Amino acid sequence: MDIEQIRADVAGKKKALRITTHAQIEAAKDGLLLADLKNVFDHGRVIEQYPADKRALLYAKTEAGQLPVHVVVETDEDEVVIVTAYIPDPAMWIGNVRRRRQG
């Protein structure tokens, strides 16, 4: 997934950016704002890719730089969708960007 091209498509209005209700609910649970999700979309780096689903996991800190945020984006012909968003659990992530080994 070429996140820079995807960002360019959204900026150039070739694709719409949609935030699912699920992403909004999960973000709100963690005290995140829609602006935080947009910031991660605009500036985050890809830390995992899921090619079969045309998805990627992005990581960035909130604009104020206080909280780490993960955002899962999915793309298709017409739109880019923020599927979910959350603050990574330190028990599951190393430095917020690498999954801890399970078991």
PDB file of N, CA and C in Angstrom:
ATOM      1  N   MET A   1       0.853  -1.171   0.000  1.00  0.00           N
ATOM      2  CA  MET A   1       0.000   0.000   0.000  1.00  0.00           C
ATOM      3  C   MET A   1       0.900   1.236   0.000  1.00  0.00           C
ATOM      4  N   ASP A   2       0.684   2.091  -0.953  1.00  0.00           N
ATOM      5  CA  ASP A   2       1.448   3.330  -1.074  1.00  0.00           C
ATOM      6  C   ASP A   2       0.677   4.444  -0.370  1.00  0.00           C
ATOM      7  N   ILE A   3       0.998   4.678   0.891  1.00  0.00           N
ATOM      8  CA  ILE A   3       0.240   5.641   1.678  1.00  0.00           C
ATOM      9  C   ILE A   3       0.374   7.057   1.130  1.00  0.00           C
ATOM     10  N   GLU A   4       1.514   7.384   0.562  1.00  0.00           N
ATOM     11  CA  GLU A   4       1.667   8.733  -0.001  1.00  0.00           C
ATOM     12  C   GLU A   4       0.726   8.939  -1.193  1.00  0.00           C
ATOM     13  N   GLN A   5       0.576   7.926  -2.024  1.00  0.00           N
ATOM     14  CA  GLN A   5      -0.354   8.031  -3.151  1.00  0.00           C
ATOM     15  C   GLN A   5      -1.786   8.126  -2.654  1.00  0.00           C
ATOM     16  N   ILE A   6      -2.099   7.352  -1.637  1.00  0.00           N
ATOM     17  CA  ILE A   6      -3.451   7.388  -1.066  1.00  0.00           C
ATOM     18  C   ILE A   6      -3.751   8.776  -0.500  1.00  0.00           C
ATOM     19  N   ARG A   7      -2.790   9.340   0.213  1.00  0.00           N
ATOM     20  CA  ARG A   7      -2.970  10.701   0.746  1.00  0.00           C
ATOM     21  C   ARG A   7      -3.173  11.706  -0.389  1.00  0.00           C
ATOM     22  N   ALA A   8      -2.392  11.549  -1.449  1.00  0.00           N
ATOM     23  CA  ALA A   8      -2.516  12.442  -2.603  1.00  0.00           C
ATOM     24  C   ALA A   8      -3.887  12.297  -3.259  1.00  0.00           C
ATOM     25  N   ASP A   9      -4.386  11.070  -3.350  1.00  0.00           N
ATOM     26  CA  ASP A   9      -5.715  10.842  -3.935  1.00  0.00           C
ATOM     27  C   ASP A   9      -6.803  11.517  -3.109  1.00  0.00           C
ATOM     28  N   VAL A  10      -6.668  11.459  -1.795  1.00  0.00           N
ATOM     29  CA  VAL A  10      -7.653  12.114  -0.928  1.00  0.00           C
ATOM     30  C   VAL A  10      -7.524  13.632  -1.039  1.00  0.00           C
ATOM     31  N   ALA A  11      -6.300  14.138  -0.977  1.00  0.00           N
ATOM     32  CA  ALA A  11      -6.076  15.585  -1.069  1.00  0.00           C
ATOM     33  C   ALA A  11      -6.561  16.143  -2.409  1.00  0.00           C
ATOM     34  N   GLY A  12      -6.365  15.358  -3.467  1.00  0.00           N
ATOM     35  CA  GLY A  12      -6.785  15.787  -4.800  1.00  0.00           C
ATOM     36  C   GLY A  12      -8.234  15.457  -5.122  1.00  0.00           C
ATOM     37  N   LYS A  13      -8.936  14.934  -4.134  1.00  0.00           N
ATOM     38  CA  LYS A  13     -10.355  14.595  -4.251  1.00  0.00           C
ATOM     39  C   LYS A  13     -10.638  13.497  -5.278  1.00  0.00           C
ATOM     40  N   LYS A  14      -9.620  12.665  -5.546  1.00  0.00           N
ATOM     41  CA  LYS A  14      -9.836  11.498  -6.396  1.00  0.00           C
ATOM     42  C   LYS A  14     -10.540  10.398  -5.615  1.00  0.00           C
ATOM     43  N   LYS A  15     -10.314  10.413  -4.287  1.00  0.00           N
ATOM     44  CA  LYS A  15     -10.982   9.465  -3.395  1.00  0.00           C
ATOM     45  C   LYS A  15     -11.492  10.219  -2.178  1.00  0.00           C
ATOM     46  N   ALA A  16     -12.623   9.777  -1.675  1.00  0.00           N
ATOM     47  CA  ALA A  16     -13.166  10.359  -0.456  1.00  0.00           C
ATOM     48  C   ALA A  16     -12.519   9.686   0.746  1.00  0.00           C
ATOM     49  N   LEU A  17     -12.443  10.399   1.862  1.00  0.00           N
ATOM     50  CA  LEU A  17     -11.992   9.830   3.119  1.00  0.00           C
ATOM     51  C   LEU A  17     -13.209   9.703   4.023  1.00  0.00           C
ATOM     52  N   ARG A  18     -13.453   8.470   4.495  1.00  0.00           N
ATOM     53  CA  ARG A  18     -14.597   8.213   5.364  1.00  0.00           C
ATOM     54  C   ARG A  18     -14.098   7.594   6.655  1.00  0.00           C
ATOM     55  N   ILE A  19     -14.698   8.005   7.752  1.00  0.00           N
ATOM     56  CA  ILE A  19     -14.375   7.443   9.062  1.00  0.00           C
ATOM     57  C   ILE A  19     -15.600   6.661   9.519  1.00  0.00           C
ATOM     58  N   THR A  20     -15.433   5.372   9.737  1.00  0.00           N
ATOM     59  CA  THR A  20     -16.579   4.536  10.109  1.00  0.00           C
ATOM     60  C   THR A  20     -17.094   4.910  11.502  1.00  0.00           C
ATOM     61  N   THR A  21     -18.331   4.547  11.742  1.00  0.00           N
ATOM     62  CA  THR A  21     -18.917   4.736  13.076  1.00  0.00           C
ATOM     63  C   THR A  21     -18.114   3.946  14.097  1.00  0.00           C
ATOM     64  N   HIS A  22     -17.702   2.745  13.733  1.00  0.00           N
ATOM     65  CA  HIS A  22     -16.887   1.927  14.631  1.00  0.00           C
ATOM     66  C   HIS A  22     -15.614   2.673  15.033  1.00  0.00           C
ATOM     67  N   ALA A  23     -14.925   3.264  14.068  1.00  0.00           N
ATOM     68  CA  ALA A  23     -13.694   4.005  14.367  1.00  0.00           C
ATOM     69  C   ALA A  23     -13.981   5.186  15.285  1.00  0.00           C
ATOM     70  N   GLN A  24     -15.081   5.866  15.048  1.00  0.00           N
ATOM     71  CA  GLN A  24     -15.441   7.012  15.890  1.00  0.00           C
ATOM     72  C   GLN A  24     -15.712   6.569  17.326  1.00  0.00           C
ATOM     73  N   ILE A  25     -16.417   5.466  17.483  1.00  0.00           N
ATOM     74  CA  ILE A  25     -16.738   4.957  18.824  1.00  0.00           C
ATOM     75  C   ILE A  25     -15.470   4.517  19.548  1.00  0.00           C
ATOM     76  N   GLU A  26     -14.627   3.745  18.873  1.00  0.00           N
ATOM     77  CA  GLU A  26     -13.396   3.258  19.497  1.00  0.00           C
ATOM     78  C   GLU A  26     -12.471   4.423  19.847  1.00  0.00           C
ATOM     79  N   ALA A  27     -12.381   5.393  18.981  1.00  0.00           N
ATOM     80  CA  ALA A  27     -11.549   6.565  19.251  1.00  0.00           C
ATOM     81  C   ALA A  27     -12.071   7.329  20.469  1.00  0.00           C
ATOM     82  N   ALA A  28     -13.375   7.507  20.530  1.00  0.00           N
ATOM     83  CA  ALA A  28     -13.981   8.237  21.650  1.00  0.00           C
ATOM     84  C   ALA A  28     -13.717   7.516  22.972  1.00  0.00           C
ATOM     85  N   LYS A  29     -13.728   6.190  22.960  1.00  0.00           N
ATOM     86  CA  LYS A  29     -13.436   5.420  24.179  1.00  0.00           C
ATOM     87  C   LYS A  29     -12.055   5.757  24.731  1.00  0.00           C
ATOM     88  N   ASP A  30     -11.136   6.071  23.835  1.00  0.00           N
ATOM     89  CA  ASP A  30      -9.767   6.399  24.239  1.00  0.00           C
ATOM     90  C   ASP A  30      -9.539   7.903  24.362  1.00  0.00           C
ATOM     91  N   GLY A  31     -10.611   8.677  24.228  1.00  0.00           N
ATOM     92  CA  GLY A  31     -10.488  10.126  24.362  1.00  0.00           C
ATOM     93  C   GLY A  31      -9.893  10.811  23.146  1.00  0.00           C
ATOM     94  N   LEU A  32      -9.941  10.138  22.002  1.00  0.00           N
ATOM     95  CA  LEU A  32      -9.403  10.698  20.766  1.00  0.00           C
ATOM     96  C   LEU A  32     -10.486  11.462  20.011  1.00  0.00           C
ATOM     97  N   LEU A  33     -10.072  12.490  19.321  1.00  0.00           N
ATOM     98  CA  LEU A  33     -10.975  13.305  18.510  1.00  0.00           C
ATOM     99  C   LEU A  33     -10.844  12.910  17.040  1.00  0.00           C
ATOM    100  N   LEU A  34     -11.830  13.283  16.244  1.00  0.00           N
ATOM    101  CA  LEU A  34     -11.738  13.021  14.807  1.00  0.00           C
ATOM    102  C   LEU A  34     -10.511  13.704  14.216  1.00  0.00           C
ATOM    103  N   ALA A  35     -10.157  14.863  14.746  1.00  0.00           N
ATOM    104  CA  ALA A  35      -8.951  15.559  14.283  1.00  0.00           C
ATOM    105  C   ALA A  35      -7.696  14.718  14.532  1.00  0.00           C
ATOM    106  N   ASP A  36      -7.696  13.948  15.617  1.00  0.00           N
ATOM    107  CA  ASP A  36      -6.557  13.069  15.895  1.00  0.00           C
ATOM    108  C   ASP A  36      -6.445  11.981  14.831  1.00  0.00           C
ATOM    109  N   LEU A  37      -7.582  11.435  14.428  1.00  0.00           N
ATOM    110  CA  LEU A  37      -7.577  10.390  13.397  1.00  0.00           C
ATOM    111  C   LEU A  37      -7.092  10.951  12.072  1.00  0.00           C
ATOM    112  N   LYS A  38      -7.566  12.130  11.735  1.00  0.00           N
ATOM    113  CA  LYS A  38      -7.145  12.783  10.487  1.00  0.00           C
ATOM    114  C   LYS A  38      -5.649  13.084  10.524  1.00  0.00           C
ATOM    115  N   ASN A  39      -5.146  13.497  11.675  1.00  0.00           N
ATOM    116  CA  ASN A  39      -3.721  13.768  11.818  1.00  0.00           C
ATOM    117  C   ASN A  39      -2.896  12.504  11.574  1.00  0.00           C
ATOM    118  N   VAL A  40      -3.345  11.377  12.114  1.00  0.00           N
ATOM    119  CA  VAL A  40      -2.622  10.119  11.883  1.00  0.00           C
ATOM    120  C   VAL A  40      -2.683   9.752  10.399  1.00  0.00           C
ATOM    121  N   PHE A  41      -3.848   9.930   9.784  1.00  0.00           N
ATOM    122  CA  PHE A  41      -3.951   9.650   8.351  1.00  0.00           C
ATOM    123  C   PHE A  41      -2.975  10.529   7.566  1.00  0.00           C
ATOM    124  N   ASP A  42      -2.923  11.798   7.893  1.00  0.00           N
ATOM    125  CA  ASP A  42      -2.086  12.745   7.151  1.00  0.00           C
ATOM    126  C   ASP A  42      -0.590  12.569   7.395  1.00  0.00           C
ATOM    127  N   HIS A  43      -0.206  12.151   8.606  1.00  0.00           N
ATOM    128  CA  HIS A  43       1.213  12.164   8.969  1.00  0.00           C
ATOM    129  C   HIS A  43       1.768  10.836   9.472  1.00  0.00           C
ATOM    130  N   GLY A  44       0.904   9.857   9.703  1.00  0.00           N
ATOM    131  CA  GLY A  44       1.359   8.599  10.286  1.00  0.00           C
ATOM    132  C   GLY A  44       2.194   7.772   9.335  1.00  0.00           C
ATOM    133  N   ARG A  45       2.941   6.861   9.939  1.00  0.00           N
ATOM    134  CA  ARG A  45       3.736   5.944   9.125  1.00  0.00           C
ATOM    135  C   ARG A  45       3.110   4.551   9.174  1.00  0.00           C
ATOM    136  N   VAL A  46       3.271   3.836   8.097  1.00  0.00           N
ATOM    137  CA  VAL A  46       2.747   2.475   8.005  1.00  0.00           C
ATOM    138  C   VAL A  46       3.633   1.572   8.863  1.00  0.00           C
ATOM    139  N   ILE A  47       2.995   0.856   9.812  1.00  0.00           N
ATOM    140  CA  ILE A  47       3.769  -0.072  10.644  1.00  0.00           C
ATOM    141  C   ILE A  47       3.402  -1.526  10.358  1.00  0.00           C
ATOM    142  N   GLU A  48       2.258  -1.755   9.751  1.00  0.00           N
ATOM    143  CA  GLU A  48       1.870  -3.091   9.291  1.00  0.00           C
ATOM    144  C   GLU A  48       1.015  -2.936   8.044  1.00  0.00           C
ATOM    145  N   GLN A  49       1.128  -3.942   7.159  1.00  0.00           N
ATOM    146  CA  GLN A  49       0.285  -3.965   5.962  1.00  0.00           C
ATOM    147  C   GLN A  49      -0.455  -5.287   5.901  1.00  0.00           C
ATOM    148  N   TYR A  50      -1.677  -5.222   5.401  1.00  0.00           N
ATOM    149  CA  TYR A  50      -2.519  -6.407   5.228  1.00  0.00           C
ATOM    150  C   TYR A  50      -3.003  -6.406   3.777  1.00  0.00           C
ATOM    151  N   PRO A  51      -2.135  -6.829   2.847  1.00  0.00           N
ATOM    152  CA  PRO A  51      -2.435  -6.715   1.414  1.00  0.00           C
ATOM    153  C   PRO A  51      -3.727  -7.402   0.984  1.00  0.00           C
ATOM    154  N   ALA A  52      -4.051  -8.540   1.567  1.00  0.00           N
ATOM    155  CA  ALA A  52      -5.262  -9.262   1.159  1.00  0.00           C
ATOM    156  C   ALA A  52      -6.516  -8.431   1.410  1.00  0.00           C
ATOM    157  N   ASP A  53      -6.473  -7.575   2.420  1.00  0.00           N
ATOM    158  CA  ASP A  53      -7.629  -6.739   2.751  1.00  0.00           C
ATOM    159  C   ASP A  53      -7.488  -5.309   2.255  1.00  0.00           C
ATOM    160  N   LYS A  54      -6.376  -5.011   1.580  1.00  0.00           N
ATOM    161  CA  LYS A  54      -6.077  -3.641   1.142  1.00  0.00           C
ATOM    162  C   LYS A  54      -6.124  -2.682   2.331  1.00  0.00           C
ATOM    163  N   ARG A  55      -5.495  -3.124   3.424  1.00  0.00           N
ATOM    164  CA  ARG A  55      -5.473  -2.348   4.660  1.00  0.00           C
ATOM    165  C   ARG A  55      -4.043  -2.125   5.126  1.00  0.00           C
ATOM    166  N   ALA A  56      -3.902  -1.085   5.950  1.00  0.00           N
ATOM    167  CA  ALA A  56      -2.619  -0.818   6.594  1.00  0.00           C
ATOM    168  C   ALA A  56      -2.887  -0.222   7.967  1.00  0.00           C
ATOM    169  N   LEU A  57      -1.934  -0.448   8.848  1.00  0.00           N
ATOM    170  CA  LEU A  57      -1.988   0.124  10.192  1.00  0.00           C
ATOM    171  C   LEU A  57      -1.006   1.285  10.225  1.00  0.00           C
ATOM    172  N   LEU A  58      -1.518   2.462  10.563  1.00  0.00           N
ATOM    173  CA  LEU A  58      -0.697   3.671  10.652  1.00  0.00           C
ATOM    174  C   LEU A  58      -0.464   4.028  12.108  1.00  0.00           C
ATOM    175  N   TYR A  59       0.692   4.629  12.368  1.00  0.00           N
ATOM    176  CA  TYR A  59       1.023   5.087  13.715  1.00  0.00           C
ATOM    177  C   TYR A  59       1.514   6.525  13.664  1.00  0.00           C
ATOM    178  N   ALA A  60       1.033   7.320  14.600  1.00  0.00           N
ATOM    179  CA  ALA A  60       1.555   8.669  14.828  1.00  0.00           C
ATOM    180  C   ALA A  60       1.100   9.090  16.209  1.00  0.00           C
ATOM    181  N   LYS A  61       1.651  10.173  16.677  1.00  0.00           N
ATOM    182  CA  LYS A  61       1.188  10.746  17.938  1.00  0.00           C
ATOM    183  C   LYS A  61       0.144  11.811  17.621  1.00  0.00           C
ATOM    184  N   THR A  62      -0.664  12.132  18.629  1.00  0.00           N
ATOM    185  CA  THR A  62      -1.630  13.214  18.444  1.00  0.00           C
ATOM    186  C   THR A  62      -0.866  14.480  18.076  1.00  0.00           C
ATOM    187  N   GLU A  63      -1.560  15.434  17.508  1.00  0.00           N
ATOM    188  CA  GLU A  63      -0.901  16.650  17.048  1.00  0.00           C
ATOM    189  C   GLU A  63      -0.141  17.336  18.182  1.00  0.00           C
ATOM    190  N   ALA A  64      -0.678  17.267  19.383  1.00  0.00           N
ATOM    191  CA  ALA A  64       0.008  17.838  20.548  1.00  0.00           C
ATOM    192  C   ALA A  64       1.194  16.965  20.973  1.00  0.00           C
ATOM    193  N   GLY A  65       1.308  15.771  20.372  1.00  0.00           N
ATOM    194  CA  GLY A  65       2.439  14.895  20.636  1.00  0.00           C
ATOM    195  C   GLY A  65       2.378  14.155  21.954  1.00  0.00           C
ATOM    196  N   GLN A  66       1.207  14.102  22.542  1.00  0.00           N
ATOM    197  CA  GLN A  66       1.104  13.501  23.860  1.00  0.00           C
ATOM    198  C   GLN A  66       0.721  12.028  23.835  1.00  0.00           C
ATOM    199  N   LEU A  67      -0.088  11.617  22.875  1.00  0.00           N
ATOM    200  CA  LEU A  67      -0.596  10.247  22.871  1.00  0.00           C
ATOM    201  C   LEU A  67      -0.253   9.520  21.580  1.00  0.00           C
ATOM    202  N   PRO A  68       0.147   8.247  21.676  1.00  0.00           N
ATOM    203  CA  PRO A  68       0.332   7.442  20.472  1.00  0.00           C
ATOM    204  C   PRO A  68      -1.035   6.983  19.971  1.00  0.00           C
ATOM    205  N   VAL A  69      -1.183   6.905  18.657  1.00  0.00           N
ATOM    206  CA  VAL A  69      -2.458   6.503  18.071  1.00  0.00           C
ATOM    207  C   VAL A  69      -2.199   5.538  16.919  1.00  0.00           C
ATOM    208  N   HIS A  70      -3.012   4.484  16.861  1.00  0.00           N
ATOM    209  CA  HIS A  70      -3.036   3.569  15.722  1.00  0.00           C
ATOM    210  C   HIS A  70      -4.333   3.789  14.964  1.00  0.00           C
ATOM    211  N   VAL A  71      -4.236   3.802  13.645  1.00  0.00           N
ATOM    212  CA  VAL A  71      -5.398   3.932  12.766  1.00  0.00           C
ATOM    213  C   VAL A  71      -5.268   2.878  11.678  1.00  0.00           C
ATOM    214  N   VAL A  72      -6.330   2.109  11.467  1.00  0.00           N
ATOM    215  CA  VAL A  72      -6.361   1.144  10.367  1.00  0.00           C
ATOM    216  C   VAL A  72      -7.116   1.780   9.208  1.00  0.00           C
ATOM    217  N   VAL A  73      -6.458   1.837   8.053  1.00  0.00           N
ATOM    218  CA  VAL A  73      -7.091   2.380   6.851  1.00  0.00           C
ATOM    219  C   VAL A  73      -7.237   1.289   5.810  1.00  0.00           C
ATOM    220  N   GLU A  74      -8.289   1.413   5.035  1.00  0.00           N
ATOM    221  CA  GLU A  74      -8.592   0.478   3.957  1.00  0.00           C
ATOM    222  C   GLU A  74      -8.897   1.310   2.724  1.00  0.00           C
ATOM    223  N   THR A  75      -8.489   0.819   1.580  1.00  0.00           N
ATOM    224  CA  THR A  75      -8.733   1.577   0.358  1.00  0.00           C
ATOM    225  C   THR A  75      -9.400   0.703  -0.694  1.00  0.00           C
ATOM    226  N   ASP A  76     -10.211   1.349  -1.524  1.00  0.00           N
ATOM    227  CA  ASP A  76     -10.781   0.674  -2.686  1.00  0.00           C
ATOM    228  C   ASP A  76     -10.798   1.675  -3.832  1.00  0.00           C
ATOM    229  N   GLU A  77     -11.558   1.389  -4.850  1.00  0.00           N
ATOM    230  CA  GLU A  77     -11.570   2.233  -6.051  1.00  0.00           C
ATOM    231  C   GLU A  77     -12.031   3.670  -5.777  1.00  0.00           C
ATOM    232  N   ASP A  78     -13.009   3.827  -4.863  1.00  0.00           N
ATOM    233  CA  ASP A  78     -13.658   5.123  -4.692  1.00  0.00           C
ATOM    234  C   ASP A  78     -13.311   5.874  -3.421  1.00  0.00           C
ATOM    235  N   GLU A  79     -12.880   5.152  -2.391  1.00  0.00           N
ATOM    236  CA  GLU A  79     -12.690   5.828  -1.115  1.00  0.00           C
ATOM    237  C   GLU A  79     -11.592   5.188  -0.283  1.00  0.00           C
ATOM    238  N   VAL A  80     -11.192   5.943   0.731  1.00  0.00           N
ATOM    239  CA  VAL A  80     -10.279   5.473   1.756  1.00  0.00           C
ATOM    240  C   VAL A  80     -11.086   5.508   3.051  1.00  0.00           C
ATOM    241  N   VAL A  81     -11.018   4.425   3.802  1.00  0.00           N
ATOM    242  CA  VAL A  81     -11.844   4.300   4.991  1.00  0.00           C
ATOM    243  C   VAL A  81     -10.957   4.112   6.217  1.00  0.00           C
ATOM    244  N   ILE A  82     -11.188   4.936   7.234  1.00  0.00           N
ATOM    245  CA  ILE A  82     -10.577   4.691   8.537  1.00  0.00           C
ATOM    246  C   ILE A  82     -11.503   3.709   9.230  1.00  0.00           C
ATOM    247  N   VAL A  83     -11.016   2.482   9.390  1.00  0.00           N
ATOM    248  CA  VAL A  83     -11.830   1.373   9.879  1.00  0.00           C
ATOM    249  C   VAL A  83     -11.918   1.378  11.398  1.00  0.00           C
ATOM    250  N   THR A  84     -10.776   1.609  12.040  1.00  0.00           N
ATOM    251  CA  THR A  84     -10.751   1.666  13.498  1.00  0.00           C
ATOM    252  C   THR A  84      -9.584   2.530  13.932  1.00  0.00           C
ATOM    253  N   ALA A  85      -9.619   2.923  15.193  1.00  0.00           N
ATOM    254  CA  ALA A  85      -8.557   3.750  15.766  1.00  0.00           C
ATOM    255  C   ALA A  85      -8.513   3.512  17.263  1.00  0.00           C
ATOM    256  N   TYR A  86      -7.303   3.573  17.806  1.00  0.00           N
ATOM    257  CA  TYR A  86      -7.160   3.312  19.235  1.00  0.00           C
ATOM    258  C   TYR A  86      -5.777   3.740  19.704  1.00  0.00           C
ATOM    259  N   ILE A  87      -5.636   3.852  21.022  1.00  0.00           N
ATOM    260  CA  ILE A  87      -4.336   4.052  21.638  1.00  0.00           C
ATOM    261  C   ILE A  87      -3.763   2.654  21.878  1.00  0.00           C
ATOM    262  N   PRO A  88      -2.561   2.378  21.377  1.00  0.00           N
ATOM    263  CA  PRO A  88      -2.006   1.026  21.522  1.00  0.00           C
ATOM    264  C   PRO A  88      -1.751   0.658  22.981  1.00  0.00           C
ATOM    265  N   ASP A  89      -2.051  -0.576  23.301  1.00  0.00           N
ATOM    266  CA  ASP A  89      -1.844  -1.121  24.640  1.00  0.00           C
ATOM    267  C   ASP A  89      -0.365  -1.503  24.783  1.00  0.00           C
ATOM    268  N   PRO A  90       0.345  -0.915  25.747  1.00  0.00           N
ATOM    269  CA  PRO A  90       1.770  -1.232  25.914  1.00  0.00           C
ATOM    270  C   PRO A  90       2.033  -2.715  26.194  1.00  0.00           C
ATOM    271  N   ALA A  91       1.049  -3.422  26.705  1.00  0.00           N
ATOM    272  CA  ALA A  91       1.218  -4.860  26.939  1.00  0.00           C
ATOM    273  C   ALA A  91       1.263  -5.635  25.630  1.00  0.00           C
ATOM    274  N   MET A  92       0.769  -5.034  24.556  1.00  0.00           N
ATOM    275  CA  MET A  92       0.719  -5.715  23.256  1.00  0.00           C
ATOM    276  C   MET A  92       1.715  -5.158  22.234  1.00  0.00           C
ATOM    277  N   TRP A  93       2.286  -3.988  22.535  1.00  0.00           N
ATOM    278  CA  TRP A  93       3.140  -3.307  21.566  1.00  0.00           C
ATOM    279  C   TRP A  93       4.457  -2.892  22.199  1.00  0.00           C
ATOM    280  N   ILE A  94       5.528  -2.993  21.445  1.00  0.00           N
ATOM    281  CA  ILE A  94       6.840  -2.504  21.861  1.00  0.00           C
ATOM    282  C   ILE A  94       7.045  -1.159  21.178  1.00  0.00           C
ATOM    283  N   GLY A  95       7.212  -0.126  21.981  1.00  0.00           N
ATOM    284  CA  GLY A  95       7.419   1.215  21.418  1.00  0.00           C
ATOM    285  C   GLY A  95       6.280   1.670  20.535  1.00  0.00           C
ATOM    286  N   ASN A  96       5.104   1.098  20.725  1.00  0.00           N
ATOM    287  CA  ASN A  96       3.895   1.445  19.972  1.00  0.00           C
ATOM    288  C   ASN A  96       3.912   1.043  18.505  1.00  0.00           C
ATOM    289  N   VAL A  97       5.002   0.413  18.043  1.00  0.00           N
ATOM    290  CA  VAL A  97       5.106   0.113  16.613  1.00  0.00           C
ATOM    291  C   VAL A  97       5.407  -1.340  16.277  1.00  0.00           C
ATOM    292  N   ARG A  98       5.742  -2.144  17.267  1.00  0.00           N
ATOM    293  CA  ARG A  98       6.045  -3.550  16.987  1.00  0.00           C
ATOM    294  C   ARG A  98       5.266  -4.427  17.960  1.00  0.00           C
ATOM    295  N   ARG A  99       4.561  -5.414  17.399  1.00  0.00           N
ATOM    296  CA  ARG A  99       3.760  -6.311  18.231  1.00  0.00           C
ATOM    297  C   ARG A  99       4.669  -7.158  19.127  1.00  0.00           C
ATOM    298  N   ARG A 100       4.201  -7.329  20.349  1.00  0.00           N
ATOM    299  CA  ARG A 100       4.903  -8.236  21.261  1.00  0.00           C
ATOM    300  C   ARG A 100       4.579  -9.664  20.841  1.00  0.00           C
ATOM    301  N   ARG A 101       5.491 -10.560  21.097  1.00  0.00           N
ATOM    302  CA  ARG A 101       5.260 -11.968  20.803  1.00  0.00           C
ATOM    303  C   ARG A 101       4.173 -12.497  21.726  1.00  0.00           C
ATOM    304  N   GLN A 102       3.308 -13.280  21.184  1.00  0.00           N
ATOM    305  CA  GLN A 102       2.231 -13.893  21.966  1.00  0.00           C
ATOM    306  C   GLN A 102       2.702 -15.207  22.559  1.00  0.00           C
ATOM    307  N   GLY A 103       2.375 -15.419  23.843  1.00  0.00           N
ATOM    308  CA  GLY A 103       2.663 -16.680  24.513  1.00  0.00           C
ATOM    309  C   GLY A 103       4.082 -16.885  24.699  1.00  0.00           C
TER     310      GLY A 103
END
